[in-house]
C-alpha cells in the first residue's frame, strides 16, 4: 500500500503519534537519546512558546498499512527571513525508516508547504531553526551518543536528502576536548598573558539577579552573533522562555560574562551533559524517571559549551580564549574530565584554531542542507 502523509494540525492524538515515531526508527539503538516527551509537547504548544508569535509551522505523519513510518515538520520564521533578507522555510523533526518512497513523500510535502507560502528555499534539518536544539544532520566523525542538544541520526538520511536534491549549505563542527586537567604549555603561556590584562574581568553570572543577567546575555548574543551565517535574533519573550527552563539546569560557574573596564563585552554558556542522565529514561520522567535522573546527574563527567560570543570591536584580544580557559578550570574542579564545544561554523577559523590549540579534536561534522524551490 502507498504511503499516506497526514497533517497533525491541532489533533493531540496525532501529536502523540508524531512524537513517538523515533521509537520505531531507532528501537534499542544504544546511542540514541530520546527527548523528554513532556518538554517536547511544551515546545510545540503554540499557546506556550513565544516562538510562534513570529513563526508558522506544520507537522506531518507518514502512515503505511496502518503503521506510523515517518514524520517531518516545516516552519516559516518571519524573524529569520527579515534579518537574513531571504525567503527560507525550514524543515525538520525528520525521522523515517529507510524507505525511499516514504522519504520522498515527506520531503516533497514539506517543500510544497514551504513553496506555497512564497518561499524560494527549504533548509534543514532542524527543530525548528538554528536557535533550537538538534540542528543539522551528522555526516562525519564518531556516530556515538550525542552530547546534550546535539542531533543523532541514521547514516541513510544522507541518501534521502541527496536523492531529493538537497545539497550542503553549511558544515558545522563539534570539538572534543579532553586534557586531563592540564593545558598544553604553549597555550598556558598565552592564557597567562590574556588573563593578566588589568581591564579584563571574566565573572560568573549573578544568579540572584538571574532575569536581569539573562537580559544582558540576550543583548550580547544578538550583537555578537548578528553577522553570523544562520543567525536569528531572539526576542525578550523568547529568551525569557528559554532562560526560565535553563535556570534549573545551569551551574553559575558555567555562565560567564566578560567585561573590559566594567563594560560587558562577551559571554559563554556551558551545560553539563544531561544526556548521560536522560538516556536511560527513554523520554519519560514519570513515574520513576525523576529519581533515575537525579541519580544520573551525579555521575555526569562531560559538558557542552553551547554559546560563546565577543562584541566585534573587542575581538582578537584573547577574550574568547580566556572564557574557554575559565570554563575548563571550573569543569576540572567539578570532576568533569571532557567535553564538547559545538556547534562551530566550519569556516569560523579563529574559534576552530583556539579549540585546536587547547588540544581539542574536531570529532563530528554536521551539515545543514538546502534546496531551491523556485
Protein backbone atom coordinates (compact mmCIF):
# COMPACT_ATOMS: atom_id res chain seq x y z
CA UNK A 1 0.00 0.00 0.00
CA UNK A 2 1.23 3.51 -0.81
CA UNK A 3 2.43 5.75 1.97
CA UNK A 4 -0.07 8.34 3.20
CA UNK A 5 1.01 11.75 4.58
CA UNK A 6 -1.29 13.11 7.32
CA UNK A 7 -1.10 16.67 8.73
CA UNK A 8 -1.05 16.71 12.53
CA UNK A 9 -2.69 20.11 12.95
CA UNK A 10 -4.18 20.54 16.44
CA UNK A 11 -5.03 16.87 16.91
CA UNK A 12 -3.48 15.77 20.23
CA UNK A 13 -3.65 12.08 19.40
CA UNK A 14 -1.81 12.66 16.14
CA UNK A 15 0.77 14.76 18.02
CA UNK A 16 1.36 11.88 20.43
CA UNK A 17 1.93 9.59 17.47
CA UNK A 18 4.22 12.17 15.84
CA UNK A 19 6.37 12.32 18.99
CA UNK A 20 6.67 8.53 19.16
CA UNK A 21 7.86 7.95 15.59
CA UNK A 22 11.57 7.89 16.65
CA UNK A 23 10.94 4.84 18.84
CA UNK A 24 10.06 2.85 15.73
CA UNK A 25 13.07 4.20 13.82
CA UNK A 26 15.78 3.69 16.44
CA UNK A 27 14.40 0.95 18.68
CA UNK A 28 17.12 -0.11 21.12
CA UNK A 29 19.97 1.70 19.37
CA UNK A 30 22.49 2.12 22.23
CA UNK A 31 23.45 5.62 21.08
CA UNK A 32 20.05 7.27 20.74
CA UNK A 33 18.81 9.68 23.41
CA UNK A 34 15.03 10.07 23.25
CA UNK A 35 13.91 13.63 24.12
CA UNK A 36 11.68 14.08 27.15
CA UNK A 37 8.18 13.89 25.71
CA UNK A 38 6.70 16.39 28.15
CA UNK A 39 9.30 19.02 27.24
CA UNK A 40 8.72 18.49 23.53
CA UNK A 41 4.98 18.95 23.97
CA UNK A 42 5.60 22.27 25.72
CA UNK A 43 7.94 23.37 22.94
CA UNK A 44 5.33 22.53 20.28
CA UNK A 45 2.48 24.23 22.17
CA UNK A 46 1.58 27.37 20.21
CA UNK A 47 -0.06 28.84 23.31
CA UNK A 48 3.02 28.29 25.46
CA UNK A 49 6.07 29.00 23.31
CA UNK A 50 6.62 32.65 22.23
CA UNK A 51 8.47 31.42 19.13
CA UNK A 52 5.07 31.01 17.44
CA UNK A 53 4.41 34.75 17.66
CA UNK A 54 6.56 35.10 14.52
CA UNK A 55 6.61 31.57 13.10
CA UNK A 56 4.14 29.39 11.22
CA UNK A 57 4.63 25.62 11.44
CA UNK A 58 3.07 22.32 10.42
CA UNK A 59 3.77 18.69 11.32
CA UNK A 60 3.06 15.55 9.28
CA UNK A 61 2.94 11.81 9.85
CA UNK A 62 3.75 9.18 7.24
CA UNK A 63 1.50 6.11 7.54
CA UNK A 64 1.69 2.83 5.63
CA UNK A 65 -0.62 -0.13 6.25
CA UNK A 66 -1.86 1.49 9.45
CA UNK A 67 1.65 1.91 10.84
CA UNK A 68 3.43 5.22 11.50
CA UNK A 69 6.65 5.00 9.47
CA UNK A 70 7.93 8.58 9.40
CA UNK A 71 7.42 12.21 10.24
CA UNK A 72 8.52 15.71 9.19
CA UNK A 73 7.81 19.34 10.07
CA UNK A 74 8.10 22.68 8.27
CA UNK A 75 8.46 26.22 9.54
CA UNK A 76 8.41 29.77 8.20
CA UNK A 77 10.17 32.11 10.63
CA UNK A 78 9.44 35.76 9.81
CA UNK A 79 12.19 37.00 12.13
CA UNK A 80 14.81 34.87 10.39
CA UNK A 81 13.78 35.97 6.91
CA UNK A 82 13.66 39.64 7.89
CA UNK A 83 17.13 39.55 9.48
CA UNK A 84 18.80 37.46 6.78
CA UNK A 85 16.90 39.16 3.94
CA UNK A 86 15.93 35.86 2.37
CA UNK A 87 12.85 33.71 1.75
CA UNK A 88 13.62 30.44 3.51
CA UNK A 89 11.41 27.79 5.04
CA UNK A 90 12.90 25.27 7.44
CA UNK A 91 12.22 21.55 7.55
CA UNK A 92 12.97 19.31 10.49
CA UNK A 93 11.88 16.74 13.07
CA UNK A 94 12.73 14.38 10.22
CA UNK A 95 12.62 10.71 11.20
CA UNK A 96 11.78 7.76 8.99
CA UNK A 97 12.55 4.17 8.23
CA UNK A 98 14.90 3.56 5.33
CA UNK A 99 12.24 3.64 2.63
CA UNK A 100 12.75 5.75 -0.49
CA UNK A 101 9.02 6.28 -1.15
CA UNK A 102 8.35 7.50 2.39
CA UNK A 103 11.40 9.78 2.40
CA UNK A 104 10.41 11.39 -0.91
CA UNK A 105 6.80 11.86 0.17
CA UNK A 106 7.77 13.52 3.45
CA UNK A 107 10.34 15.88 1.91
CA UNK A 108 8.04 16.74 -1.01
CA UNK A 109 5.17 17.55 1.37
CA UNK A 110 7.37 19.86 3.38
CA UNK A 111 8.78 21.52 0.24
CA UNK A 112 5.33 22.12 -1.24
CA UNK A 113 4.08 23.67 2.02
CA UNK A 114 7.10 25.99 2.10
CA UNK A 115 6.77 26.93 -1.58
CA UNK A 116 3.03 27.63 -1.20
CA UNK A 117 3.90 30.32 1.34
CA UNK A 118 6.09 32.23 -1.06
CA UNK A 119 9.47 30.87 -0.01
CA UNK A 120 12.14 30.05 -2.60
CA UNK A 121 14.38 27.83 -0.45
CA UNK A 122 13.94 24.96 2.01
CA UNK A 123 16.68 24.46 4.61
CA UNK A 124 17.32 21.97 7.38
CA UNK A 125 17.05 19.66 9.14
CA UNK A 126 16.29 21.44 12.40
CA UNK A 127 13.79 21.52 15.23
CA UNK A 128 12.89 24.16 14.04
CA UNK A 129 15.70 26.69 13.41
CA UNK A 130 19.31 27.43 14.36
CA UNK A 131 18.04 28.83 17.68
CA UNK A 132 16.79 25.38 18.69
CA UNK A 133 18.30 22.01 19.53
CA UNK A 134 19.18 19.19 17.11
CA UNK A 135 20.24 21.43 14.21
CA UNK A 136 21.86 19.80 11.20
CA UNK A 137 22.49 16.22 10.13
CA UNK A 138 25.55 14.36 11.31
CA UNK A 139 27.56 13.35 8.25
CA UNK A 140 31.01 12.55 9.65
CA UNK A 141 33.04 11.62 12.70
CA UNK A 142 32.06 9.43 15.63
CA UNK A 143 28.47 8.23 15.48
CA UNK A 144 28.18 7.64 19.22
CA UNK A 145 25.82 9.03 21.87
CA UNK A 146 25.29 12.76 21.25
CA UNK A 147 26.01 15.45 23.82
CA UNK A 148 23.00 17.40 25.17
CA UNK A 149 21.21 19.40 22.47
CA UNK A 150 23.02 17.79 19.54
CA UNK A 151 21.38 15.55 16.91
CA UNK A 152 21.88 11.88 16.19
CA UNK A 153 20.66 10.20 13.03
CA UNK A 154 20.92 7.13 10.80
CA UNK A 155 23.51 7.37 8.03
CA UNK A 156 20.89 6.66 5.36
CA UNK A 157 19.34 10.11 5.85
CA UNK A 158 22.20 11.49 3.75
CA UNK A 159 20.97 9.47 0.77
CA UNK A 160 17.38 10.53 1.36
CA UNK A 161 18.41 14.17 1.17
CA UNK A 162 20.70 13.72 -1.83
CA UNK A 163 18.03 11.81 -3.76
CA UNK A 164 15.58 14.67 -3.15
CA UNK A 165 18.08 17.24 -4.47
CA UNK A 166 19.12 18.78 -1.17
CA UNK A 167 22.74 19.95 -1.11
CA UNK A 168 25.05 21.17 1.63
CA UNK A 169 24.62 24.80 2.65
CA UNK A 170 26.98 24.88 5.63
CA UNK A 171 29.01 22.42 7.69
CA UNK A 172 29.15 22.64 11.48
CA UNK A 173 31.86 21.21 13.71
CA UNK A 174 31.84 19.65 17.16
CA UNK A 175 35.16 19.73 19.02
CA UNK A 176 36.09 17.20 21.70
CA UNK A 177 38.38 18.40 24.49
CA UNK A 178 39.98 16.01 26.96
CA UNK A 179 43.13 17.42 28.55
CA UNK A 180 43.33 15.54 31.83
CA UNK A 181 43.18 18.78 33.81
CA UNK A 182 46.22 20.38 32.19
CA UNK A 183 46.69 22.66 29.21
CA UNK A 184 49.44 22.46 26.61
CA UNK A 185 52.41 24.55 27.82
CA UNK A 186 52.29 26.94 24.86
CA UNK A 187 48.57 27.50 25.38
CA UNK A 188 49.06 28.09 29.11
CA UNK A 189 51.58 30.83 28.36
CA UNK A 190 49.10 32.56 26.04
CA UNK A 191 46.35 32.26 28.64
CA UNK A 192 48.55 33.77 31.35
CA UNK A 193 49.16 36.74 29.06
CA UNK A 194 45.45 37.22 28.34
CA UNK A 195 44.32 36.86 31.94
CA UNK A 196 46.94 39.38 33.07
CA UNK A 197 45.15 42.20 31.23
CA UNK A 198 44.22 44.64 34.02
CA UNK A 199 40.98 45.74 32.34
CA UNK A 200 39.69 42.20 31.75
CA UNK A 201 37.33 40.55 34.20
CA UNK A 202 35.58 37.26 33.48
CA UNK A 203 32.88 36.69 36.09
CA UNK A 204 30.06 34.31 36.85
CA UNK A 205 26.50 35.33 36.13
CA UNK A 206 24.79 36.69 39.25
CA UNK A 207 22.12 34.05 39.87
CA UNK A 208 20.35 36.28 42.44
CA UNK A 209 19.61 38.69 39.59
CA UNK A 210 19.09 35.99 37.00
CA UNK A 211 16.48 37.69 34.83
CA UNK A 212 18.48 40.92 34.56
CA UNK A 213 21.62 38.97 33.78
CA UNK A 214 19.77 36.85 31.23
CA UNK A 215 18.54 40.03 29.52
CA UNK A 216 22.16 41.23 29.36
CA UNK A 217 23.23 37.94 27.79
CA UNK A 218 20.42 38.21 25.22
CA UNK A 219 21.65 41.67 24.22
CA UNK A 220 25.21 40.41 23.95
CA UNK A 221 24.10 37.36 21.97
CA UNK A 222 22.17 39.42 19.44
CA UNK A 223 25.09 41.84 18.97
CA UNK A 224 27.89 39.26 18.97
CA UNK A 225 26.26 36.85 16.53
CA UNK A 226 24.36 39.27 14.30
CA UNK A 227 26.63 38.82 11.25
CA UNK A 228 26.96 35.03 11.57
CA UNK A 229 25.57 32.68 8.96
CA UNK A 230 22.14 31.45 10.00
CA UNK A 231 21.79 33.87 12.93
CA UNK A 232 18.24 34.64 14.10
CA UNK A 233 17.69 37.37 16.73
CA UNK A 234 15.94 36.34 19.95
CA UNK A 235 13.16 38.48 21.35
CA UNK A 236 12.87 39.29 25.05
CA UNK A 237 9.94 36.88 25.34
CA UNK A 238 11.82 34.02 23.65
CA UNK A 239 14.93 34.49 25.71
CA UNK A 240 12.91 34.69 28.94
CA UNK A 241 11.14 31.46 27.93
CA UNK A 242 14.46 29.70 27.36
CA UNK A 243 16.06 31.18 30.46
CA UNK A 244 13.20 30.03 32.70
CA UNK A 245 13.81 26.39 31.83
CA UNK A 246 17.56 26.82 31.77
CA UNK A 247 17.86 28.28 35.28
CA UNK A 248 17.14 24.90 36.85
CA UNK A 249 19.78 23.24 34.66
CA UNK A 250 22.74 25.60 34.66
CA UNK A 251 25.66 25.96 37.03
CA UNK A 252 26.76 29.53 37.79
CA UNK A 253 30.39 28.51 37.21
CA UNK A 254 29.45 27.75 33.61
CA UNK A 255 27.65 31.05 32.91
CA UNK A 256 30.34 33.62 32.25
CA UNK A 257 30.26 37.29 31.36
CA UNK A 258 33.44 39.01 30.17
CA UNK A 259 33.95 42.67 31.00
CA UNK A 260 36.53 45.19 29.82
CA UNK A 261 36.88 48.12 32.21
CA UNK A 262 33.48 47.17 33.66
CA UNK A 263 31.69 47.02 30.29
CA UNK A 264 30.10 43.67 29.33
CA UNK A 265 31.71 42.59 26.06
CA UNK A 266 31.24 38.81 25.87
CA UNK A 267 29.60 35.74 27.33
CA UNK A 268 29.91 31.96 27.44
CA UNK A 269 27.32 29.32 28.32
CA UNK A 270 28.13 25.70 29.09
CA UNK A 271 25.78 22.91 30.17
CA UNK A 272 26.57 19.61 31.88
CA UNK A 273 25.83 16.72 29.56
CA UNK A 274 22.35 15.89 30.80
CA UNK A 275 22.03 13.26 28.08
CA UNK A 276 24.00 10.98 30.38
CA UNK A 277 21.13 11.20 32.88
CA UNK A 278 18.20 11.29 30.47
CA UNK A 279 19.21 8.49 28.08
CA UNK A 280 18.04 5.66 30.41
CA UNK A 281 14.62 7.33 30.79
CA UNK A 282 13.65 6.77 27.12
CA UNK A 283 11.75 10.05 27.06
CA UNK A 284 9.73 9.60 30.25
CA UNK A 285 10.25 11.30 33.62
CA UNK A 286 7.28 9.63 35.30
CA UNK A 287 6.60 7.69 37.39
CA UNK A 288 10.17 6.87 38.44
CA UNK A 289 12.21 8.82 35.90
CA UNK A 290 12.87 11.75 38.23
CA UNK A 291 14.73 9.55 40.70
CA UNK A 292 16.82 7.95 37.97
CA UNK A 293 17.54 11.40 36.53
CA UNK A 294 18.72 12.80 39.88
CA UNK A 295 20.95 9.80 40.43
CA UNK A 296 22.30 10.05 36.90
CA UNK A 297 23.14 13.75 37.30
CA UNK A 298 25.68 12.89 39.98
CA UNK A 299 27.62 10.78 37.51
CA UNK A 300 27.93 13.37 34.73
CA UNK A 301 31.57 13.78 33.70
CA UNK A 302 31.17 15.75 30.48
CA UNK A 303 29.79 19.12 29.40
CA UNK A 304 28.99 21.11 26.27
CA UNK A 305 29.88 24.74 25.59
CA UNK A 306 26.85 25.76 23.57
CA UNK A 307 27.22 29.53 23.22
CA UNK A 308 30.10 31.97 23.28
CA UNK A 309 30.48 35.42 21.78
CA UNK A 310 32.54 38.60 21.95
CA UNK A 311 31.48 42.00 20.63
CA UNK A 312 33.13 42.69 17.26
CA UNK A 313 35.16 45.65 18.50
CA UNK A 314 36.71 43.54 21.28
CA UNK A 315 37.71 40.52 19.23
CA UNK A 316 41.34 39.49 18.66
CA UNK A 317 42.13 40.38 22.28
CA UNK A 318 42.02 36.79 23.51
CA UNK A 319 38.78 37.29 25.47
CA UNK A 320 37.22 34.18 23.92
CA UNK A 321 40.35 32.23 24.84
CA UNK A 322 40.03 33.46 28.43
CA UNK A 323 36.39 32.36 28.68
CA UNK A 324 37.24 28.89 27.37
CA UNK A 325 40.02 28.70 29.96
CA UNK A 326 37.75 29.75 32.86
CA UNK A 327 35.13 27.23 31.73
CA UNK A 328 37.69 24.44 31.61
CA UNK A 329 39.07 25.28 35.05
CA UNK A 330 35.53 25.20 36.50
CA UNK A 331 34.92 21.86 34.81
CA UNK A 332 38.11 20.33 36.18
CA UNK A 333 37.13 21.44 39.69
CA UNK A 334 33.78 19.64 39.36
CA UNK A 335 35.26 16.38 38.14
CA UNK A 336 34.23 16.97 34.53
CA UNK A 337 37.09 15.49 32.56
CA UNK A 338 35.98 16.02 28.97
CA UNK A 339 33.54 17.97 26.90
CA UNK A 340 32.34 19.31 23.59
CA UNK A 341 32.26 22.75 22.02
CA UNK A 342 29.50 22.85 19.43
CA UNK A 343 28.36 23.80 17.06
CA UNK A 344 31.10 25.82 15.38
CA UNK A 345 30.81 27.01 11.79
CA UNK A 346 33.34 25.14 9.69
CA UNK A 347 34.61 28.44 8.26
CA UNK A 348 35.00 30.12 11.68
CA UNK A 349 38.78 29.85 11.57
CA UNK A 350 39.58 31.90 14.72
CA UNK A 351 37.50 29.74 17.09
CA UNK A 352 38.49 26.49 15.40
CA UNK A 353 42.16 27.45 15.86
CA UNK A 354 41.63 28.25 19.54
CA UNK A 355 39.98 24.89 20.18
CA UNK A 356 42.73 23.08 18.32
CA UNK A 357 45.26 24.95 20.44
CA UNK A 358 43.55 23.70 23.58
CA UNK A 359 44.22 20.17 22.41
CA UNK A 360 40.75 19.67 21.00
CA UNK A 361 39.81 17.25 18.25
CA UNK A 362 37.22 18.04 15.59
CA UNK A 363 35.39 14.76 16.07
CA UNK A 364 31.96 15.26 14.49
CA UNK A 365 30.68 17.09 11.42
CA UNK A 366 27.09 18.16 10.88
CA UNK A 367 25.58 19.52 7.69
CA UNK A 368 22.75 21.93 7.03
CA UNK A 369 21.10 21.25 3.67
CA UNK A 370 19.03 23.39 1.37
CA UNK A 371 17.18 23.20 -1.93
CA UNK A 372 15.96 25.97 -4.22
CA UNK A 373 12.23 25.74 -4.82
CA UNK A 374 11.70 28.43 -7.43
